[in-house]
């Protein structure tokens, strides 16, 4: 009698199991799945009632295509991130080269000048020259690794 009562209790507690699964991509571009939502997580529907069963209907082909599409989107997003990082690195290298060349020029000349609209030289004061030189040094520290 106790066994039957225990069996009935277990069966009554084991109703339908439902779960929410969330998918999100972190700042480094890694895809994560979890049972708790993150800030920008997408909810995924998972059918847990078909344990060990492979669906051979048209639904399976649709699911496969959605998975392939999601994987392609992930690849494209990662490629775009890599391209953006490469562009930022190239820009920083160009800024580094320009700053180093200008600093060499500023340090090798006796004075700096700019041209007015008539083509006359206007000498830049020493204080302003020092500020420009300091800014170039900051740019070199920031962009040259």
N, C-alpha and C. Protein backbone atom coordinates (compact mmCIF):
# COMPACT_ATOMS: atom_id res chain seq x y z
N UNK A 1 0.80 -1.18 0.00
CA UNK A 1 0.00 0.00 0.00
C UNK A 1 0.86 1.27 0.00
N UNK A 2 1.94 1.24 0.79
CA UNK A 2 2.85 2.38 0.84
C UNK A 2 3.51 2.62 -0.51
N UNK A 3 3.85 1.53 -1.19
CA UNK A 3 4.48 1.67 -2.51
C UNK A 3 3.54 2.32 -3.51
N UNK A 4 2.28 1.94 -3.48
CA UNK A 4 1.30 2.50 -4.40
C UNK A 4 1.11 3.99 -4.11
N UNK A 5 1.03 4.33 -2.83
CA UNK A 5 0.88 5.72 -2.43
C UNK A 5 2.10 6.55 -2.86
N UNK A 6 3.29 6.00 -2.68
CA UNK A 6 4.52 6.67 -3.10
C UNK A 6 4.54 6.84 -4.61
N UNK A 7 4.15 5.83 -5.35
CA UNK A 7 4.11 5.89 -6.81
C UNK A 7 3.12 6.95 -7.29
N UNK A 8 1.95 7.00 -6.69
CA UNK A 8 0.94 8.01 -7.06
C UNK A 8 1.43 9.42 -6.75
N UNK A 9 2.11 9.58 -5.63
CA UNK A 9 2.65 10.90 -5.26
C UNK A 9 3.70 11.34 -6.28
N UNK A 10 4.59 10.42 -6.65
CA UNK A 10 5.63 10.75 -7.64
C UNK A 10 5.03 11.10 -8.99
N UNK A 11 4.03 10.36 -9.39
CA UNK A 11 3.39 10.63 -10.68
C UNK A 11 2.66 11.96 -10.68
N UNK A 12 2.06 12.32 -9.57
CA UNK A 12 1.33 13.59 -9.53
C UNK A 12 2.28 14.79 -9.56
N UNK A 13 3.48 14.62 -9.04
CA UNK A 13 4.46 15.70 -9.02
C UNK A 13 5.21 15.85 -10.35
N UNK A 14 5.18 14.85 -11.20
CA UNK A 14 5.98 14.88 -12.42
C UNK A 14 5.17 15.34 -13.63
N UNK A 15 4.43 16.41 -13.50
CA UNK A 15 3.62 16.93 -14.60
C UNK A 15 4.49 17.38 -15.77
N UNK A 16 3.92 18.16 -16.64
CA UNK A 16 4.68 18.65 -17.79
C UNK A 16 5.82 19.55 -17.33
N UNK A 17 6.94 19.35 -17.94
CA UNK A 17 8.11 20.15 -17.63
C UNK A 17 8.24 21.22 -18.70
N UNK A 18 8.34 22.45 -18.28
CA UNK A 18 8.55 23.52 -19.25
C UNK A 18 9.73 24.35 -18.77
N UNK A 19 10.47 24.85 -19.72
CA UNK A 19 11.66 25.63 -19.37
C UNK A 19 11.84 26.73 -20.40
N UNK A 20 12.33 27.85 -19.96
CA UNK A 20 12.71 28.93 -20.85
C UNK A 20 14.22 28.86 -21.02
N UNK A 21 14.65 28.96 -22.24
CA UNK A 21 16.08 29.01 -22.53
C UNK A 21 16.35 30.33 -23.21
N UNK A 22 17.40 31.01 -22.77
CA UNK A 22 17.74 32.32 -23.30
C UNK A 22 19.09 32.26 -24.00
N UNK A 23 19.19 33.05 -25.07
CA UNK A 23 20.43 33.13 -25.85
C UNK A 23 20.84 34.59 -25.89
N UNK A 24 22.15 34.86 -25.64
CA UNK A 24 22.66 36.23 -25.75
C UNK A 24 24.12 36.20 -26.17
N UNK A 25 24.59 37.34 -26.66
CA UNK A 25 25.97 37.50 -27.12
C UNK A 25 26.62 38.56 -26.23
N UNK A 26 27.76 38.22 -25.62
CA UNK A 26 28.42 39.17 -24.73
C UNK A 26 29.25 40.19 -25.52
N UNK A 27 29.93 41.08 -24.80
CA UNK A 27 30.70 42.16 -25.43
C UNK A 27 31.87 41.64 -26.27
N UNK A 28 32.39 40.46 -25.93
CA UNK A 28 33.50 39.89 -26.69
C UNK A 28 33.02 39.10 -27.89
N UNK A 29 31.71 39.02 -28.10
CA UNK A 29 31.17 38.32 -29.26
C UNK A 29 30.89 36.84 -29.04
N UNK A 30 30.96 36.38 -27.79
CA UNK A 30 30.69 34.98 -27.49
C UNK A 30 29.19 34.77 -27.26
N UNK A 31 28.65 33.69 -27.84
CA UNK A 31 27.24 33.36 -27.69
C UNK A 31 27.06 32.49 -26.46
N UNK A 32 26.06 32.83 -25.64
CA UNK A 32 25.79 32.09 -24.41
C UNK A 32 24.33 31.65 -24.40
N UNK A 33 24.07 30.54 -23.69
CA UNK A 33 22.73 30.04 -23.48
C UNK A 33 22.55 29.84 -21.98
N UNK A 34 21.35 30.11 -21.47
CA UNK A 34 21.12 29.92 -20.05
C UNK A 34 19.64 29.87 -19.73
N UNK A 35 19.33 29.52 -18.48
CA UNK A 35 17.93 29.44 -18.07
C UNK A 35 17.46 30.72 -17.39
N UNK A 36 18.37 31.69 -17.23
CA UNK A 36 18.01 32.99 -16.67
C UNK A 36 18.33 34.06 -17.71
N UNK A 37 17.43 35.02 -17.89
CA UNK A 37 17.66 36.02 -18.95
C UNK A 37 18.78 36.98 -18.60
N UNK A 38 19.56 37.32 -19.61
CA UNK A 38 20.56 38.38 -19.47
C UNK A 38 19.90 39.66 -19.95
N UNK A 39 20.66 40.74 -20.04
CA UNK A 39 20.10 42.04 -20.43
C UNK A 39 19.41 41.99 -21.78
N UNK A 40 20.08 41.43 -22.78
CA UNK A 40 19.54 41.43 -24.14
C UNK A 40 19.34 40.00 -24.65
N UNK A 41 18.79 39.13 -23.80
CA UNK A 41 18.65 37.73 -24.17
C UNK A 41 17.38 37.52 -24.98
N UNK A 42 17.48 36.63 -25.98
CA UNK A 42 16.32 36.21 -26.76
C UNK A 42 15.81 34.90 -26.18
N UNK A 43 14.50 34.79 -26.03
CA UNK A 43 13.90 33.58 -25.51
C UNK A 43 13.79 32.55 -26.63
N UNK A 44 14.18 31.31 -26.35
CA UNK A 44 14.10 30.22 -27.32
C UNK A 44 13.06 29.21 -26.84
N UNK A 45 12.28 28.65 -27.77
CA UNK A 45 11.32 27.63 -27.43
C UNK A 45 11.95 26.25 -27.60
N UNK A 46 11.89 25.44 -26.54
CA UNK A 46 12.48 24.11 -26.58
C UNK A 46 11.40 23.11 -26.19
N UNK A 47 11.21 22.09 -27.02
CA UNK A 47 10.24 21.05 -26.73
C UNK A 47 10.94 19.94 -25.97
N UNK A 48 10.67 19.86 -24.65
CA UNK A 48 11.34 18.87 -23.81
C UNK A 48 10.56 17.57 -23.71
N UNK A 49 9.38 17.51 -24.32
CA UNK A 49 8.57 16.30 -24.21
C UNK A 49 9.06 15.18 -25.12
N UNK A 50 9.90 15.48 -26.10
CA UNK A 50 10.36 14.47 -27.07
C UNK A 50 11.79 14.06 -26.75
N UNK A 51 11.98 13.36 -25.67
CA UNK A 51 13.31 12.91 -25.29
C UNK A 51 13.78 11.81 -26.22
N UNK A 52 14.95 11.97 -26.79
CA UNK A 52 15.54 10.94 -27.62
C UNK A 52 14.83 10.74 -28.94
N UNK A 53 14.00 11.66 -29.32
CA UNK A 53 13.25 11.51 -30.55
C UNK A 53 13.70 12.56 -31.56
N UNK A 54 14.00 12.14 -32.76
CA UNK A 54 14.39 13.05 -33.82
C UNK A 54 13.20 13.26 -34.73
N UNK A 55 12.84 14.50 -34.91
CA UNK A 55 11.70 14.84 -35.75
C UNK A 55 12.14 14.79 -37.21
N UNK A 56 11.47 14.00 -38.00
CA UNK A 56 11.86 13.85 -39.40
C UNK A 56 10.91 14.58 -40.34
N UNK A 57 10.08 15.44 -39.81
CA UNK A 57 9.11 16.14 -40.64
C UNK A 57 9.73 17.40 -41.25
N UNK A 58 8.92 18.16 -41.91
CA UNK A 58 9.37 19.42 -42.50
C UNK A 58 9.81 20.40 -41.42
N UNK A 59 9.29 20.21 -40.21
CA UNK A 59 9.67 21.04 -39.08
C UNK A 59 11.18 20.94 -38.81
N UNK A 60 11.71 19.77 -39.00
CA UNK A 60 13.14 19.54 -38.78
C UNK A 60 13.98 20.35 -39.76
N UNK A 61 13.58 20.38 -41.01
CA UNK A 61 14.32 21.16 -42.01
C UNK A 61 14.26 22.66 -41.68
N UNK A 62 13.11 23.10 -41.21
CA UNK A 62 12.96 24.52 -40.84
C UNK A 62 13.87 24.85 -39.65
N UNK A 63 13.90 23.97 -38.67
CA UNK A 63 14.75 24.18 -37.49
C UNK A 63 16.23 24.20 -37.90
N UNK A 64 16.60 23.30 -38.79
CA UNK A 64 17.98 23.24 -39.27
C UNK A 64 18.35 24.54 -39.98
N UNK A 65 17.42 25.04 -40.81
CA UNK A 65 17.68 26.27 -41.54
C UNK A 65 17.81 27.46 -40.58
N UNK A 66 16.96 27.50 -39.55
CA UNK A 66 17.06 28.58 -38.56
C UNK A 66 18.40 28.52 -37.84
N UNK A 67 18.84 27.31 -37.52
CA UNK A 67 20.14 27.15 -36.87
C UNK A 67 21.27 27.62 -37.78
N UNK A 68 21.21 27.22 -39.04
CA UNK A 68 22.24 27.64 -40.00
C UNK A 68 22.24 29.16 -40.18
N UNK A 69 21.05 29.74 -40.23
CA UNK A 69 20.95 31.20 -40.34
C UNK A 69 21.55 31.90 -39.13
N UNK A 70 21.26 31.38 -37.94
CA UNK A 70 21.81 31.96 -36.72
C UNK A 70 23.33 31.85 -36.69
N UNK A 71 23.84 30.70 -37.13
CA UNK A 71 25.29 30.52 -37.17
C UNK A 71 25.93 31.49 -38.17
N UNK A 72 25.28 31.68 -39.32
CA UNK A 72 25.80 32.62 -40.32
C UNK A 72 25.79 34.05 -39.77
N UNK A 73 24.73 34.42 -39.06
CA UNK A 73 24.68 35.75 -38.45
C UNK A 73 25.81 35.93 -37.45
N UNK A 74 26.07 34.90 -36.65
CA UNK A 74 27.17 34.95 -35.69
C UNK A 74 28.51 35.14 -36.41
N UNK A 75 28.72 34.39 -37.49
CA UNK A 75 29.96 34.52 -38.26
C UNK A 75 30.12 35.94 -38.82
N UNK A 76 29.04 36.46 -39.39
CA UNK A 76 29.09 37.81 -39.96
C UNK A 76 29.38 38.86 -38.89
N UNK A 77 28.73 38.72 -37.74
CA UNK A 77 28.95 39.67 -36.65
C UNK A 77 30.39 39.61 -36.16
N UNK A 78 30.93 38.42 -36.02
CA UNK A 78 32.32 38.28 -35.59
C UNK A 78 33.28 38.85 -36.63
N UNK A 79 32.99 38.64 -37.91
CA UNK A 79 33.83 39.19 -38.97
C UNK A 79 33.78 40.72 -38.97
N UNK A 80 32.59 41.27 -38.74
CA UNK A 80 32.47 42.73 -38.69
C UNK A 80 33.24 43.29 -37.50
N UNK A 81 33.19 42.62 -36.37
CA UNK A 81 33.95 43.06 -35.20
C UNK A 81 35.44 43.01 -35.48
N UNK A 82 35.90 41.94 -36.12
CA UNK A 82 37.32 41.81 -36.44
C UNK A 82 37.74 42.90 -37.42
N UNK A 83 36.91 43.18 -38.42
CA UNK A 83 37.22 44.25 -39.38
C UNK A 83 37.30 45.60 -38.69
N UNK A 84 36.37 45.86 -37.78
CA UNK A 84 36.36 47.13 -37.07
C UNK A 84 37.61 47.28 -36.21
N UNK A 85 37.99 46.21 -35.52
CA UNK A 85 39.20 46.26 -34.69
C UNK A 85 40.44 46.48 -35.55
N UNK A 86 40.49 45.84 -36.72
CA UNK A 86 41.63 46.01 -37.62
C UNK A 86 41.70 47.46 -38.11
N UNK A 87 40.56 48.04 -38.46
CA UNK A 87 40.53 49.43 -38.91
C UNK A 87 40.98 50.38 -37.80
N UNK A 88 40.53 50.12 -36.57
CA UNK A 88 40.93 50.97 -35.45
C UNK A 88 42.44 50.87 -35.20
N UNK A 89 42.98 49.68 -35.34
CA UNK A 89 44.42 49.49 -35.15
C UNK A 89 45.21 50.21 -36.23
N UNK A 90 44.75 50.11 -37.48
CA UNK A 90 45.43 50.80 -38.58
C UNK A 90 45.35 52.31 -38.40
N UNK A 91 44.20 52.82 -37.96
CA UNK A 91 44.06 54.25 -37.73
C UNK A 91 45.03 54.71 -36.64
N UNK A 92 45.11 53.95 -35.55
CA UNK A 92 46.02 54.29 -34.46
C UNK A 92 47.47 54.28 -34.94
N UNK A 93 47.83 53.32 -35.79
CA UNK A 93 49.19 53.27 -36.32
C UNK A 93 49.50 54.49 -37.20
N UNK A 94 48.51 54.90 -38.02
CA UNK A 94 48.71 56.09 -38.85
C UNK A 94 48.87 57.33 -37.96
N UNK A 95 48.04 57.44 -36.93
CA UNK A 95 48.13 58.58 -36.01
C UNK A 95 49.49 58.57 -35.30
N UNK A 96 49.97 57.41 -34.97
CA UNK A 96 51.28 57.27 -34.32
C UNK A 96 52.39 57.79 -35.23
N UNK A 97 52.36 57.35 -36.49
CA UNK A 97 53.39 57.77 -37.45
C UNK A 97 53.36 59.27 -37.66
N UNK A 98 52.17 59.83 -37.83
CA UNK A 98 52.04 61.28 -38.04
C UNK A 98 52.55 62.04 -36.82
N UNK A 99 52.16 61.60 -35.62
CA UNK A 99 52.58 62.28 -34.40
C UNK A 99 54.10 62.21 -34.22
N UNK A 100 54.70 61.07 -34.49
CA UNK A 100 56.16 60.95 -34.35
C UNK A 100 56.89 61.84 -35.35
N UNK A 101 56.41 61.87 -36.60
CA UNK A 101 57.04 62.72 -37.61
C UNK A 101 56.94 64.19 -37.22
N UNK A 102 55.77 64.61 -36.78
CA UNK A 102 55.57 66.01 -36.39
C UNK A 102 56.43 66.37 -35.19
N UNK A 103 56.51 65.45 -34.22
CA UNK A 103 57.32 65.72 -33.03
C UNK A 103 58.79 65.91 -33.42
N UNK A 104 59.29 65.07 -34.32
CA UNK A 104 60.68 65.23 -34.80
C UNK A 104 60.86 66.60 -35.44
N UNK A 105 59.88 67.02 -36.25
CA UNK A 105 59.98 68.33 -36.89
C UNK A 105 59.96 69.45 -35.86
N UNK A 106 59.06 69.37 -34.90
CA UNK A 106 58.96 70.41 -33.88
C UNK A 106 60.23 70.53 -33.05
N UNK A 107 60.85 69.38 -32.77
CA UNK A 107 62.06 69.38 -31.94
C UNK A 107 63.31 69.78 -32.72
N UNK A 108 63.28 69.64 -34.05
CA UNK A 108 64.49 69.92 -34.83
C UNK A 108 64.56 71.36 -35.36
N UNK A 109 63.46 72.08 -35.34
CA UNK A 109 63.48 73.44 -35.88
C UNK A 109 63.65 74.45 -34.75
N UNK A 110 64.12 75.63 -35.11
CA UNK A 110 64.33 76.69 -34.12
C UNK A 110 63.03 77.33 -33.68
N UNK A 111 62.07 77.44 -34.59
CA UNK A 111 60.79 78.04 -34.24
C UNK A 111 59.72 77.47 -35.17
N UNK A 112 58.46 77.60 -34.74
CA UNK A 112 57.34 77.16 -35.56
C UNK A 112 56.60 78.39 -36.08
N UNK A 113 56.03 78.24 -37.24
CA UNK A 113 55.23 79.33 -37.79
C UNK A 113 54.05 78.75 -38.56
N UNK A 114 53.09 79.64 -38.81
CA UNK A 114 51.98 79.30 -39.68
C UNK A 114 51.87 80.40 -40.72
N UNK A 115 51.21 80.12 -41.81
CA UNK A 115 51.06 81.11 -42.87
C UNK A 115 49.69 81.76 -42.76
N UNK A 116 49.66 83.09 -42.92
CA UNK A 116 48.36 83.75 -42.96
C UNK A 116 47.81 83.69 -44.38
N UNK A 117 46.67 84.35 -44.62
CA UNK A 117 46.02 84.25 -45.92
C UNK A 117 46.83 84.88 -47.05
N UNK A 118 47.76 85.78 -46.70
CA UNK A 118 48.61 86.40 -47.72
C UNK A 118 49.92 85.65 -47.93
N UNK A 119 50.13 84.59 -47.16
CA UNK A 119 51.35 83.80 -47.29
C UNK A 119 52.49 84.28 -46.41
N UNK A 120 52.22 85.19 -45.50
CA UNK A 120 53.25 85.70 -44.57
C UNK A 120 53.39 84.75 -43.38
N UNK A 121 54.61 84.62 -42.90
CA UNK A 121 54.88 83.75 -41.75
C UNK A 121 54.49 84.45 -40.46
N UNK A 122 53.77 83.74 -39.61
CA UNK A 122 53.44 84.22 -38.28
C UNK A 122 54.05 83.23 -37.30
N UNK A 123 54.98 83.68 -36.49
CA UNK A 123 55.71 82.81 -35.57
C UNK A 123 54.79 82.42 -34.42
N UNK A 124 54.81 81.15 -34.10
CA UNK A 124 54.02 80.61 -32.98
C UNK A 124 54.83 80.81 -31.70
N UNK A 125 54.22 81.39 -30.67
CA UNK A 125 54.95 81.64 -29.42
C UNK A 125 55.47 80.34 -28.79
N UNK A 126 56.50 80.47 -27.97
CA UNK A 126 57.14 79.31 -27.34
C UNK A 126 56.17 78.54 -26.46
N UNK A 127 55.28 79.23 -25.73
CA UNK A 127 54.31 78.55 -24.86
C UNK A 127 53.38 77.67 -25.69
N UNK A 128 52.90 78.20 -26.80
CA UNK A 128 52.02 77.44 -27.69
C UNK A 128 52.76 76.26 -28.29
N UNK A 129 54.02 76.48 -28.66
CA UNK A 129 54.85 75.38 -29.21
C UNK A 129 54.99 74.27 -28.18
N UNK A 130 55.23 74.64 -26.92
CA UNK A 130 55.36 73.63 -25.86
C UNK A 130 54.05 72.86 -25.68
N UNK A 131 52.92 73.55 -25.77
CA UNK A 131 51.62 72.88 -25.66
C UNK A 131 51.43 71.89 -26.81
N UNK A 132 51.77 72.31 -28.02
CA UNK A 132 51.64 71.43 -29.19
C UNK A 132 52.56 70.21 -29.06
N UNK A 133 53.76 70.43 -28.57
CA UNK A 133 54.72 69.33 -28.40
C UNK A 133 54.20 68.35 -27.34
N UNK A 134 53.67 68.87 -26.24
CA UNK A 134 53.11 68.00 -25.20
C UNK A 134 51.93 67.19 -25.72
N UNK A 135 51.10 67.82 -26.52
CA UNK A 135 49.95 67.11 -27.11
C UNK A 135 50.43 65.99 -28.03
N UNK A 136 51.46 66.25 -28.81
CA UNK A 136 52.00 65.20 -29.69
C UNK A 136 52.55 64.04 -28.87
N UNK A 137 53.23 64.34 -27.77
CA UNK A 137 53.75 63.28 -26.90
C UNK A 137 52.60 62.45 -26.31
N UNK A 138 51.51 63.12 -25.92
CA UNK A 138 50.33 62.39 -25.42
C UNK A 138 49.75 61.49 -26.51
N UNK A 139 49.66 62.01 -27.73
CA UNK A 139 49.15 61.22 -28.85
C UNK A 139 50.03 60.00 -29.10
N UNK A 140 51.33 60.17 -28.99
CA UNK A 140 52.26 59.05 -29.18
C UNK A 140 52.05 58.00 -28.10
N UNK A 141 51.89 58.45 -26.85
CA UNK A 141 51.65 57.49 -25.76
C UNK A 141 50.34 56.74 -25.96
N UNK A 142 49.33 57.44 -26.47
CA UNK A 142 48.01 56.84 -26.64
C UNK A 142 47.96 55.89 -27.83
N UNK A 143 48.55 56.26 -28.95
CA UNK A 143 48.40 55.50 -30.19
C UNK A 143 49.56 54.56 -30.54
N UNK A 144 50.68 54.74 -29.91
CA UNK A 144 51.84 53.91 -30.25
C UNK A 144 52.06 52.88 -29.14
N UNK A 145 51.90 51.63 -29.48
CA UNK A 145 52.09 50.55 -28.50
C UNK A 145 53.30 49.73 -28.86
